[in-house]
Amino acid sequence: MTVASMTGFARARGSLGPWSYVWEIKSVNAKGLDLRLRVPPGFDAVEVKARAALSARLARGSVFASLNAKRAEAEGIARVNRPALDKLLAALDDVPLHANLRPASLDGLLAVKGVVEILEPEDDEGARAALDESVLAALHAALDSLLAAREAEGFALAAVLGARLDRIGALAAEADALPGRQPEAIRQRLAQQVARLLDTEGLDPARLHQEAVLMAVKADVREELDRLAAHVGAGGKLLAQGGPIGRRLDFLAQELSRETNTLCAKSNDPSLTAIGLDLKIEVEQFREQVQNIE
């Protein structure tokens, strides 16, 4: 499976008989699948199947899909509404004519609203079913194009995310190899700090031991470095796995950020602090890019 982005746009056109139609689908980032579908009146059956097709093929994203359909103009059939005409004639019988009024003419009566009806041509059941199938086929073509666009962008994003993970792993390894991270250097710093505490008058020996233990714990970032390496490995496996992995990558970015912040908080070495700040930048850029992944 490939890594896919959540952003994309696609359009597909089609026609059948007197009908022409066009689908437009666009998607942007979202926490889940937010589907909005718009179809013209008379396409209710298409709407139900279209919604099912979109839900089946898209896992995440705010998706806007619209169908525009137009029927070619055709000559309607004119029909005289006899009941309406009869009622009109009956009403005229009760109207007295004056010298300056002429009797109603046929063309005048036919011009009255509702007397003459223009019946628009309608599709029979078979033609309508064929139209619905053709419209749905165009939807699937648009979906194919949308998925191809999302996968193309996802491929590029996966390369960027992989590079970010490699950089995070390299910085963690660089931090681990710092001279100030070596046991002798750590012992030296602790000895200096303990010596300063011993110079403090009235310091309780138990308090001195407690402070020494706290300094030793703070100086040790072994656990943070190990977790960073483990998270980098997990991220690489997710990218290789592909599919809808955006949520898991987002969680992974949070964990990377947590370990980096802890490393910076524990650091009492300038070189380690500098690497920690670089790690923060890389992790934040990783997290921003992850928001685009399905």
C-alpha atoms as a PDB file:
ATOM      1  CA  MET A   1       0.000   0.000   0.000  1.00  0.00           C
ATOM      2  CA  THR A   2       1.095   3.544  -0.677  1.00  0.00           C
ATOM      3  CA  VAL A   3       1.064   6.631   1.499  1.00  0.00           C
ATOM      4  CA  ALA A   4      -1.646   9.093   0.417  1.00  0.00           C
ATOM      5  CA  SER A   5      -2.220  12.758   1.060  1.00  0.00           C
ATOM      6  CA  MET A   6      -5.626  14.115   2.046  1.00  0.00           C
ATOM      7  CA  THR A   7      -5.630  16.947  -0.514  1.00  0.00           C
ATOM      8  CA  GLY A   8      -6.649  16.608  -4.139  1.00  0.00           C
ATOM      9  CA  PHE A   9      -9.067  17.621  -6.886  1.00  0.00           C
ATOM     10  CA  ALA A  10     -10.696  15.725  -9.751  1.00  0.00           C
ATOM     11  CA  ARG A  11     -13.341  16.300 -12.418  1.00  0.00           C
ATOM     12  CA  ALA A  12     -15.111  13.837 -14.739  1.00  0.00           C
ATOM     13  CA  ARG A  13     -17.631  14.577 -17.493  1.00  0.00           C
ATOM     14  CA  GLY A  14     -20.129  12.380 -19.282  1.00  0.00           C
ATOM     15  CA  SER A  15     -23.267  12.368 -21.388  1.00  0.00           C
ATOM     16  CA  LEU A  16     -26.086  10.003 -22.281  1.00  0.00           C
ATOM     17  CA  GLY A  17     -28.961  10.797 -24.619  1.00  0.00           C
ATOM     18  CA  PRO A  18     -30.154  14.354 -23.985  1.00  0.00           C
ATOM     19  CA  TRP A  19     -28.266  14.548 -20.676  1.00  0.00           C
ATOM     20  CA  SER A  20     -24.782  15.917 -19.990  1.00  0.00           C
ATOM     21  CA  TYR A  21     -23.203  15.940 -16.543  1.00  0.00           C
ATOM     22  CA  VAL A  22     -19.982  16.650 -14.660  1.00  0.00           C
ATOM     23  CA  TRP A  23     -18.666  15.522 -11.277  1.00  0.00           C
ATOM     24  CA  GLU A  24     -16.252  17.626  -9.242  1.00  0.00           C
ATOM     25  CA  ILE A  25     -14.529  16.256  -6.131  1.00  0.00           C
ATOM     26  CA  LYS A  26     -12.053  18.050  -3.911  1.00  0.00           C
ATOM     27  CA  SER A  27     -10.610  17.046  -0.555  1.00  0.00           C
ATOM     28  CA  VAL A  28      -8.583  18.792   2.145  1.00  0.00           C
ATOM     29  CA  ASN A  29      -7.184  17.852   5.541  1.00  0.00           C
ATOM     30  CA  ALA A  30      -9.486  16.726   8.360  1.00  0.00           C
ATOM     31  CA  LYS A  31      -9.257  14.614  11.508  1.00  0.00           C
ATOM     32  CA  GLY A  32     -11.738  12.074  10.108  1.00  0.00           C
ATOM     33  CA  LEU A  33     -13.866  11.622   6.993  1.00  0.00           C
ATOM     34  CA  ASP A  34     -16.198  14.594   6.548  1.00  0.00           C
ATOM     35  CA  LEU A  35     -18.237  13.957   3.400  1.00  0.00           C
ATOM     36  CA  ARG A  36     -20.402  16.632   1.778  1.00  0.00           C
ATOM     37  CA  LEU A  37     -22.345  15.647  -1.329  1.00  0.00           C
ATOM     38  CA  ARG A  38     -24.573  17.751  -3.555  1.00  0.00           C
ATOM     39  CA  VAL A  39     -26.714  16.453  -6.439  1.00  0.00           C
ATOM     40  CA  PRO A  40     -29.497  18.151  -8.430  1.00  0.00           C
ATOM     41  CA  PRO A  41     -33.182  17.278  -7.915  1.00  0.00           C
ATOM     42  CA  GLY A  42     -34.213  13.946  -9.387  1.00  0.00           C
ATOM     43  CA  PHE A  43     -30.900  12.206  -8.632  1.00  0.00           C
ATOM     44  CA  ASP A  44     -31.745  10.885  -5.169  1.00  0.00           C
ATOM     45  CA  ALA A  45     -30.908   7.281  -6.074  1.00  0.00           C
ATOM     46  CA  VAL A  46     -27.515   8.408  -7.371  1.00  0.00           C
ATOM     47  CA  GLU A  47     -26.836  10.320  -4.160  1.00  0.00           C
ATOM     48  CA  VAL A  48     -27.219   7.228  -1.970  1.00  0.00           C
ATOM     49  CA  LYS A  49     -24.864   5.108  -4.089  1.00  0.00           C
ATOM     50  CA  ALA A  50     -22.389   7.971  -4.544  1.00  0.00           C
ATOM     51  CA  ARG A  51     -22.116   8.511  -0.803  1.00  0.00           C
ATOM     52  CA  ALA A  52     -21.444   4.795  -0.272  1.00  0.00           C
ATOM     53  CA  ALA A  53     -18.766   4.767  -2.994  1.00  0.00           C
ATOM     54  CA  LEU A  54     -16.977   7.812  -1.554  1.00  0.00           C
ATOM     55  CA  SER A  55     -17.061   6.404   1.975  1.00  0.00           C
ATOM     56  CA  ALA A  56     -15.690   3.060   0.809  1.00  0.00           C
ATOM     57  CA  ARG A  57     -12.675   4.482  -1.019  1.00  0.00           C
ATOM     58  CA  LEU A  58     -11.664   7.408   1.201  1.00  0.00           C
ATOM     59  CA  ALA A  59     -10.488   6.994   4.791  1.00  0.00           C
ATOM     60  CA  ARG A  60      -9.839  10.587   5.895  1.00  0.00           C
ATOM     61  CA  GLY A  61     -10.288  14.143   4.691  1.00  0.00           C
ATOM     62  CA  SER A  62     -12.927  16.803   4.280  1.00  0.00           C
ATOM     63  CA  VAL A  63     -14.449  15.821   0.916  1.00  0.00           C
ATOM     64  CA  PHE A  64     -16.725  17.996  -1.226  1.00  0.00           C
ATOM     65  CA  ALA A  65     -18.422  16.223  -4.164  1.00  0.00           C
ATOM     66  CA  SER A  66     -20.949  17.863  -6.491  1.00  0.00           C
ATOM     67  CA  LEU A  67     -22.882  16.696  -9.545  1.00  0.00           C
ATOM     68  CA  ASN A  68     -24.120  19.147 -12.166  1.00  0.00           C
ATOM     69  CA  ALA A  69     -26.521  17.643 -14.711  1.00  0.00           C
ATOM     70  CA  LYS A  70     -28.312  19.333 -17.605  1.00  0.00           C
ATOM     71  CA  ARG A  71     -30.851  18.060 -20.091  1.00  0.00           C
ATOM     72  CA  ALA A  72     -30.762  19.389 -23.649  1.00  0.00           C
ATOM     73  CA  GLU A  73     -33.756  21.545 -24.473  1.00  0.00           C
ATOM     74  CA  ALA A  74     -36.499  19.662 -26.264  1.00  0.00           C
ATOM     75  CA  GLU A  75     -39.886  20.746 -27.601  1.00  0.00           C
ATOM     76  CA  GLY A  76     -42.616  20.076 -25.091  1.00  0.00           C
ATOM     77  CA  ILE A  77     -46.086  18.810 -25.919  1.00  0.00           C
ATOM     78  CA  ALA A  78     -48.888  21.395 -25.752  1.00  0.00           C
ATOM     79  CA  ARG A  79     -52.144  20.208 -24.144  1.00  0.00           C
ATOM     80  CA  VAL A  80     -55.361  22.101 -23.521  1.00  0.00           C
ATOM     81  CA  ASN A  81     -56.552  21.764 -19.951  1.00  0.00           C
ATOM     82  CA  ARG A  82     -60.235  21.126 -20.797  1.00  0.00           C
ATOM     83  CA  PRO A  83     -61.537  21.287 -17.214  1.00  0.00           C
ATOM     84  CA  ALA A  84     -59.887  24.673 -16.747  1.00  0.00           C
ATOM     85  CA  LEU A  85     -61.242  25.909 -20.095  1.00  0.00           C
ATOM     86  CA  ASP A  86     -64.753  24.693 -19.297  1.00  0.00           C
ATOM     87  CA  LYS A  87     -64.737  26.478 -15.971  1.00  0.00           C
ATOM     88  CA  LEU A  88     -63.555  29.653 -17.652  1.00  0.00           C
ATOM     89  CA  LEU A  89     -66.333  29.497 -20.274  1.00  0.00           C
ATOM     90  CA  ALA A  90     -68.933  28.844 -17.583  1.00  0.00           C
ATOM     91  CA  ALA A  91     -67.718  31.852 -15.665  1.00  0.00           C
ATOM     92  CA  LEU A  92     -67.919  34.037 -18.770  1.00  0.00           C
ATOM     93  CA  ASP A  93     -71.590  33.070 -19.299  1.00  0.00           C
ATOM     94  CA  ASP A  94     -72.456  34.943 -16.114  1.00  0.00           C
ATOM     95  CA  VAL A  95     -70.651  38.117 -17.209  1.00  0.00           C
ATOM     96  CA  PRO A  96     -72.995  40.602 -18.998  1.00  0.00           C
ATOM     97  CA  LEU A  97     -71.556  42.088 -22.204  1.00  0.00           C
ATOM     98  CA  HIS A  98     -71.639  45.836 -22.760  1.00  0.00           C
ATOM     99  CA  ALA A  99     -71.686  47.654 -26.067  1.00  0.00           C
ATOM    100  CA  ASN A 100     -67.993  48.432 -25.892  1.00  0.00           C
ATOM    101  CA  LEU A 101     -66.949  44.825 -25.055  1.00  0.00           C
ATOM    102  CA  ARG A 102     -66.398  42.066 -27.545  1.00  0.00           C
ATOM    103  CA  PRO A 103     -67.045  38.390 -26.861  1.00  0.00           C
ATOM    104  CA  ALA A 104     -64.032  36.389 -25.719  1.00  0.00           C
ATOM    105  CA  SER A 105     -62.007  34.932 -28.582  1.00  0.00           C
ATOM    106  CA  LEU A 106     -60.381  31.497 -28.591  1.00  0.00           C
ATOM    107  CA  ASP A 107     -56.856  32.885 -28.697  1.00  0.00           C
ATOM    108  CA  GLY A 108     -57.657  35.089 -25.731  1.00  0.00           C
ATOM    109  CA  LEU A 109     -59.028  32.170 -23.746  1.00  0.00           C
ATOM    110  CA  LEU A 110     -55.987  29.999 -24.544  1.00  0.00           C
ATOM    111  CA  ALA A 111     -53.694  32.758 -23.316  1.00  0.00           C
ATOM    112  CA  VAL A 112     -55.146  32.523 -19.811  1.00  0.00           C
ATOM    113  CA  LYS A 113     -52.661  30.892 -17.427  1.00  0.00           C
ATOM    114  CA  GLY A 114     -53.389  27.215 -16.833  1.00  0.00           C
ATOM    115  CA  VAL A 115     -55.588  26.679 -19.884  1.00  0.00           C
ATOM    116  CA  VAL A 116     -52.720  25.511 -22.065  1.00  0.00           C
ATOM    117  CA  GLU A 117     -50.064  23.257 -20.474  1.00  0.00           C
ATOM    118  CA  ILE A 118     -46.647  22.448 -21.930  1.00  0.00           C
ATOM    119  CA  LEU A 119     -45.631  18.931 -20.932  1.00  0.00           C
ATOM    120  CA  GLU A 120     -41.874  18.412 -20.732  1.00  0.00           C
ATOM    121  CA  PRO A 121     -40.552  15.103 -22.086  1.00  0.00           C
ATOM    122  CA  GLU A 122     -39.750  12.544 -19.385  1.00  0.00           C
ATOM    123  CA  ASP A 123     -37.334   9.613 -19.359  1.00  0.00           C
ATOM    124  CA  ASP A 124     -38.876   6.186 -19.130  1.00  0.00           C
ATOM    125  CA  GLU A 125     -37.766   3.839 -16.355  1.00  0.00           C
ATOM    126  CA  GLY A 126     -35.154   2.061 -18.440  1.00  0.00           C
ATOM    127  CA  ALA A 127     -33.608   5.274 -19.733  1.00  0.00           C
ATOM    128  CA  ARG A 128     -33.478   6.696 -16.221  1.00  0.00           C
ATOM    129  CA  ALA A 129     -31.730   3.615 -14.861  1.00  0.00           C
ATOM    130  CA  ALA A 130     -29.172   3.787 -17.668  1.00  0.00           C
ATOM    131  CA  LEU A 131     -28.588   7.479 -16.914  1.00  0.00           C
ATOM    132  CA  ASP A 132     -27.991   6.748 -13.215  1.00  0.00           C
ATOM    133  CA  GLU A 133     -25.477   4.019 -14.059  1.00  0.00           C
ATOM    134  CA  SER A 134     -23.652   6.334 -16.453  1.00  0.00           C
ATOM    135  CA  VAL A 135     -23.496   9.095 -13.836  1.00  0.00           C
ATOM    136  CA  LEU A 136     -22.113   6.662 -11.234  1.00  0.00           C
ATOM    137  CA  ALA A 137     -19.495   5.423 -13.689  1.00  0.00           C
ATOM    138  CA  ALA A 138     -18.338   9.030 -14.099  1.00  0.00           C
ATOM    139  CA  LEU A 139     -18.147   9.342 -10.310  1.00  0.00           C
ATOM    140  CA  HIS A 140     -15.826   6.345 -10.100  1.00  0.00           C
ATOM    141  CA  ALA A 141     -13.659   7.857 -12.853  1.00  0.00           C
ATOM    142  CA  ALA A 142     -13.421  11.076 -10.844  1.00  0.00           C
ATOM    143  CA  LEU A 143     -12.600   9.063  -7.719  1.00  0.00           C
ATOM    144  CA  ASP A 144      -9.812   7.243  -9.573  1.00  0.00           C
ATOM    145  CA  SER A 145      -8.306  10.596 -10.572  1.00  0.00           C
ATOM    146  CA  LEU A 146      -8.656  11.970  -7.046  1.00  0.00           C
ATOM    147  CA  LEU A 147      -6.969   8.943  -5.493  1.00  0.00           C
ATOM    148  CA  ALA A 148      -4.158   9.122  -8.044  1.00  0.00           C
ATOM    149  CA  ALA A 149      -3.577  12.789  -7.169  1.00  0.00           C
ATOM    150  CA  ARG A 150      -3.617  12.055  -3.438  1.00  0.00           C
ATOM    151  CA  GLU A 151      -1.202   9.154  -3.859  1.00  0.00           C
ATOM    152  CA  ALA A 152       1.194  11.237  -5.977  1.00  0.00           C
ATOM    153  CA  GLU A 153       1.330  13.905  -3.296  1.00  0.00           C
ATOM    154  CA  GLY A 154       1.555  11.222  -0.611  1.00  0.00           C
ATOM    155  CA  PHE A 155       4.591   9.701  -2.342  1.00  0.00           C
ATOM    156  CA  ALA A 156       6.384  13.045  -2.187  1.00  0.00           C
ATOM    157  CA  LEU A 157       5.347  13.570   1.438  1.00  0.00           C
ATOM    158  CA  ALA A 158       6.600  10.113   2.414  1.00  0.00           C
ATOM    159  CA  ALA A 159      10.046  10.989   1.050  1.00  0.00           C
ATOM    160  CA  VAL A 160      10.057  14.237   3.069  1.00  0.00           C
ATOM    161  CA  LEU A 161       8.922  12.451   6.240  1.00  0.00           C
ATOM    162  CA  GLY A 162      11.533   9.734   5.756  1.00  0.00           C
ATOM    163  CA  ALA A 163      14.241  12.389   5.459  1.00  0.00           C
ATOM    164  CA  ARG A 164      12.986  14.070   8.646  1.00  0.00           C
ATOM    165  CA  LEU A 165      13.100  10.779  10.533  1.00  0.00           C
ATOM    166  CA  ASP A 166      16.624  10.100   9.285  1.00  0.00           C
ATOM    167  CA  ARG A 167      17.694  13.535  10.482  1.00  0.00           C
ATOM    168  CA  ILE A 168      16.069  12.988  13.889  1.00  0.00           C
ATOM    169  CA  GLY A 169      17.846   9.628  14.204  1.00  0.00           C
ATOM    170  CA  ALA A 170      21.180  11.200  13.204  1.00  0.00           C
ATOM    171  CA  LEU A 171      20.803  13.985  15.769  1.00  0.00           C
ATOM    172  CA  ALA A 172      19.947  11.482  18.503  1.00  0.00           C
ATOM    173  CA  ALA A 173      23.053   9.458  17.613  1.00  0.00           C
ATOM    174  CA  GLU A 174      25.125  12.646  17.597  1.00  0.00           C
ATOM    175  CA  ALA A 175      23.816  13.533  21.041  1.00  0.00           C
ATOM    176  CA  ASP A 176      24.691  10.064  22.324  1.00  0.00           C
ATOM    177  CA  ALA A 177      28.282  10.406  21.076  1.00  0.00           C
ATOM    178  CA  LEU A 178      28.938  13.819  22.659  1.00  0.00           C
ATOM    179  CA  PRO A 179      32.039  13.919  24.908  1.00  0.00           C
ATOM    180  CA  GLY A 180      29.903  15.430  27.649  1.00  0.00           C
ATOM    181  CA  ARG A 181      27.716  12.300  27.550  1.00  0.00           C
ATOM    182  CA  GLN A 182      30.586  10.006  28.489  1.00  0.00           C
ATOM    183  CA  PRO A 183      30.514   8.527  32.033  1.00  0.00           C
ATOM    184  CA  GLU A 184      33.736  10.251  33.111  1.00  0.00           C
ATOM    185  CA  ALA A 185      32.452  13.681  32.058  1.00  0.00           C
ATOM    186  CA  ILE A 186      29.156  13.098  33.854  1.00  0.00           C
ATOM    187  CA  ARG A 187      31.005  12.005  37.014  1.00  0.00           C
ATOM    188  CA  GLN A 188      33.159  15.111  36.871  1.00  0.00           C
ATOM    189  CA  ARG A 189      30.147  17.446  36.640  1.00  0.00           C
ATOM    190  CA  LEU A 190      28.396  15.621  39.466  1.00  0.00           C
ATOM    191  CA  ALA A 191      31.506  15.834  41.624  1.00  0.00           C
ATOM    192  CA  GLN A 192      31.723  19.585  41.040  1.00  0.00           C
ATOM    193  CA  GLN A 193      28.053  20.062  41.907  1.00  0.00           C
ATOM    194  CA  VAL A 194      28.345  17.925  45.060  1.00  0.00           C
ATOM    195  CA  ALA A 195      31.421  19.897  46.089  1.00  0.00           C
ATOM    196  CA  ARG A 196      29.462  23.124  45.820  1.00  0.00           C
ATOM    197  CA  LEU A 197      26.712  21.608  47.967  1.00  0.00           C
ATOM    198  CA  LEU A 198      29.279  20.561  50.599  1.00  0.00           C
ATOM    199  CA  ASP A 199      30.352  24.176  50.881  1.00  0.00           C
ATOM    200  CA  THR A 200      26.810  25.120  51.880  1.00  0.00           C
ATOM    201  CA  GLU A 201      26.630  25.605  55.636  1.00  0.00           C
ATOM    202  CA  GLY A 202      24.068  23.686  57.604  1.00  0.00           C
ATOM    203  CA  LEU A 203      23.178  21.286  54.751  1.00  0.00           C
ATOM    204  CA  ASP A 204      21.669  18.096  56.120  1.00  0.00           C
ATOM    205  CA  PRO A 205      23.566  14.955  54.932  1.00  0.00           C
ATOM    206  CA  ALA A 206      20.248  13.340  53.932  1.00  0.00           C
ATOM    207  CA  ARG A 207      19.405  16.401  51.851  1.00  0.00           C
ATOM    208  CA  LEU A 208      22.885  16.233  50.278  1.00  0.00           C
ATOM    209  CA  HIS A 209      22.298  12.613  49.272  1.00  0.00           C
ATOM    210  CA  GLN A 210      18.882  13.493  47.855  1.00  0.00           C
ATOM    211  CA  GLU A 211      20.292  16.361  45.782  1.00  0.00           C
ATOM    212  CA  ALA A 212      23.089  14.156  44.468  1.00  0.00           C
ATOM    213  CA  VAL A 213      20.586  11.501  43.371  1.00  0.00           C
ATOM    214  CA  LEU A 214      18.460  14.128  41.600  1.00  0.00           C
ATOM    215  CA  MET A 215      21.486  15.494  39.762  1.00  0.00           C
ATOM    216  CA  ALA A 216      22.471  12.003  38.667  1.00  0.00           C
ATOM    217  CA  VAL A 217      18.977  11.294  37.340  1.00  0.00           C
ATOM    218  CA  LYS A 218      18.830  14.600  35.512  1.00  0.00           C
ATOM    219  CA  ALA A 219      22.222  14.044  33.907  1.00  0.00           C
ATOM    220  CA  ASP A 220      21.114  10.699  32.421  1.00  0.00           C
ATOM    221  CA  VAL A 221      19.272  11.096  29.067  1.00  0.00           C
ATOM    222  CA  ARG A 222      19.923   7.491  28.036  1.00  0.00           C
ATOM    223  CA  GLU A 223      16.221   6.638  28.218  1.00  0.00           C
ATOM    224  CA  GLU A 224      15.190   9.618  26.061  1.00  0.00           C
ATOM    225  CA  LEU A 225      17.794   8.798  23.408  1.00  0.00           C
ATOM    226  CA  ASP A 226      16.715   5.147  23.313  1.00  0.00           C
ATOM    227  CA  ARG A 227      13.066   6.133  22.916  1.00  0.00           C
ATOM    228  CA  LEU A 228      13.895   8.584  20.143  1.00  0.00           C
ATOM    229  CA  ALA A 229      15.698   5.814  18.268  1.00  0.00           C
ATOM    230  CA  ALA A 230      12.743   3.452  18.797  1.00  0.00           C
ATOM    231  CA  HIS A 231      10.242   6.057  17.552  1.00  0.00           C
ATOM    232  CA  VAL A 232      12.359   6.745  14.472  1.00  0.00           C
ATOM    233  CA  GLY A 233      12.368   3.031  13.676  1.00  0.00           C
ATOM    234  CA  ALA A 234       8.599   2.788  14.175  1.00  0.00           C
ATOM    235  CA  GLY A 235       8.041   5.757  11.875  1.00  0.00           C
ATOM    236  CA  GLY A 236      10.129   4.158   9.140  1.00  0.00           C
ATOM    237  CA  LYS A 237       8.082   0.956   9.375  1.00  0.00           C
ATOM    238  CA  LEU A 238       4.808   2.898   9.103  1.00  0.00           C
ATOM    239  CA  LEU A 239       5.986   4.737   5.989  1.00  0.00           C
ATOM    240  CA  ALA A 240       7.052   1.433   4.424  1.00  0.00           C
ATOM    241  CA  GLN A 241       3.690  -0.106   5.336  1.00  0.00           C
ATOM    242  CA  GLY A 242       1.655   2.696   3.725  1.00  0.00           C
ATOM    243  CA  GLY A 243      -2.135   2.953   3.766  1.00  0.00           C
ATOM    244  CA  PRO A 244      -4.114   5.265   6.071  1.00  0.00           C
ATOM    245  CA  ILE A 245      -1.344   5.822   8.642  1.00  0.00           C
ATOM    246  CA  GLY A 246      -1.845   9.533   9.327  1.00  0.00           C
ATOM    247  CA  ARG A 247      -3.329   9.112  12.806  1.00  0.00           C
ATOM    248  CA  ARG A 248      -0.523   6.817  13.959  1.00  0.00           C
ATOM    249  CA  LEU A 249       2.133   9.127  12.535  1.00  0.00           C
ATOM    250  CA  ASP A 250       0.514  12.038  14.356  1.00  0.00           C
ATOM    251  CA  PHE A 251       0.682  10.113  17.631  1.00  0.00           C
ATOM    252  CA  LEU A 252       4.308   9.236  16.883  1.00  0.00           C
ATOM    253  CA  ALA A 253       5.101  12.931  16.322  1.00  0.00           C
ATOM    254  CA  GLN A 254       3.675  13.724  19.760  1.00  0.00           C
ATOM    255  CA  GLU A 255       5.905  11.092  21.331  1.00  0.00           C
ATOM    256  CA  LEU A 256       8.973  12.431  19.512  1.00  0.00           C
ATOM    257  CA  SER A 257       8.156  15.905  20.770  1.00  0.00           C
ATOM    258  CA  ARG A 258       7.739  14.676  24.343  1.00  0.00           C
ATOM    259  CA  GLU A 259      11.117  12.905  24.390  1.00  0.00           C
ATOM    260  CA  THR A 260      12.875  15.879  22.796  1.00  0.00           C
ATOM    261  CA  ASN A 261      11.419  18.289  25.336  1.00  0.00           C
ATOM    262  CA  THR A 262      12.500  16.015  28.187  1.00  0.00           C
ATOM    263  CA  LEU A 263      16.021  15.762  26.752  1.00  0.00           C
ATOM    264  CA  CYS A 264      16.306  19.544  26.565  1.00  0.00           C
ATOM    265  CA  ALA A 265      14.988  19.917  30.113  1.00  0.00           C
ATOM    266  CA  LYS A 266      17.550  17.448  31.475  1.00  0.00           C
ATOM    267  CA  SER A 267      20.497  18.798  29.527  1.00  0.00           C
ATOM    268  CA  ASN A 268      23.276  20.471  31.504  1.00  0.00           C
ATOM    269  CA  ASP A 269      25.709  20.432  28.596  1.00  0.00           C
ATOM    270  CA  PRO A 270      25.698  23.268  25.984  1.00  0.00           C
ATOM    271  CA  SER A 271      26.394  20.908  23.098  1.00  0.00           C
ATOM    272  CA  LEU A 272      23.536  18.610  24.093  1.00  0.00           C
ATOM    273  CA  THR A 273      21.211  21.588  24.441  1.00  0.00           C
ATOM    274  CA  ALA A 274      22.123  22.767  20.917  1.00  0.00           C
ATOM    275  CA  ILE A 275      21.339  19.332  19.496  1.00  0.00           C
ATOM    276  CA  GLY A 276      18.088  19.253  21.466  1.00  0.00           C
ATOM    277  CA  LEU A 277      17.004  22.536  19.870  1.00  0.00           C
ATOM    278  CA  ASP A 278      17.786  21.153  16.414  1.00  0.00           C
ATOM    279  CA  LEU A 279      15.742  18.082  17.316  1.00  0.00           C
ATOM    280  CA  LYS A 280      12.807  20.286  18.276  1.00  0.00           C
ATOM    281  CA  ILE A 281      12.870  21.975  14.850  1.00  0.00           C
ATOM    282  CA  GLU A 282      13.004  18.657  12.987  1.00  0.00           C
ATOM    283  CA  VAL A 283      10.222  17.107  15.082  1.00  0.00           C
ATOM    284  CA  GLU A 284       7.963  20.137  14.605  1.00  0.00           C
ATOM    285  CA  GLN A 285       8.480  20.071  10.833  1.00  0.00           C
ATOM    286  CA  PHE A 286       7.773  16.329  10.868  1.00  0.00           C
ATOM    287  CA  ARG A 287       4.550  16.938  12.810  1.00  0.00           C
ATOM    288  CA  GLU A 288       3.379  19.638  10.377  1.00  0.00           C
ATOM    289  CA  GLN A 289       3.881  17.390   7.352  1.00  0.00           C
ATOM    290  CA  VAL A 290       2.122  14.482   9.055  1.00  0.00           C
ATOM    291  CA  GLN A 291      -1.093  16.545   9.178  1.00  0.00           C
ATOM    292  CA  ASN A 292      -1.385  16.071   5.389  1.00  0.00           C
ATOM    293  CA  ILE A 293      -1.254  12.265   5.500  1.00  0.00           C
ATOM    294  CA  GLU A 294      -4.471  10.234   5.176  1.00  0.00           C
END
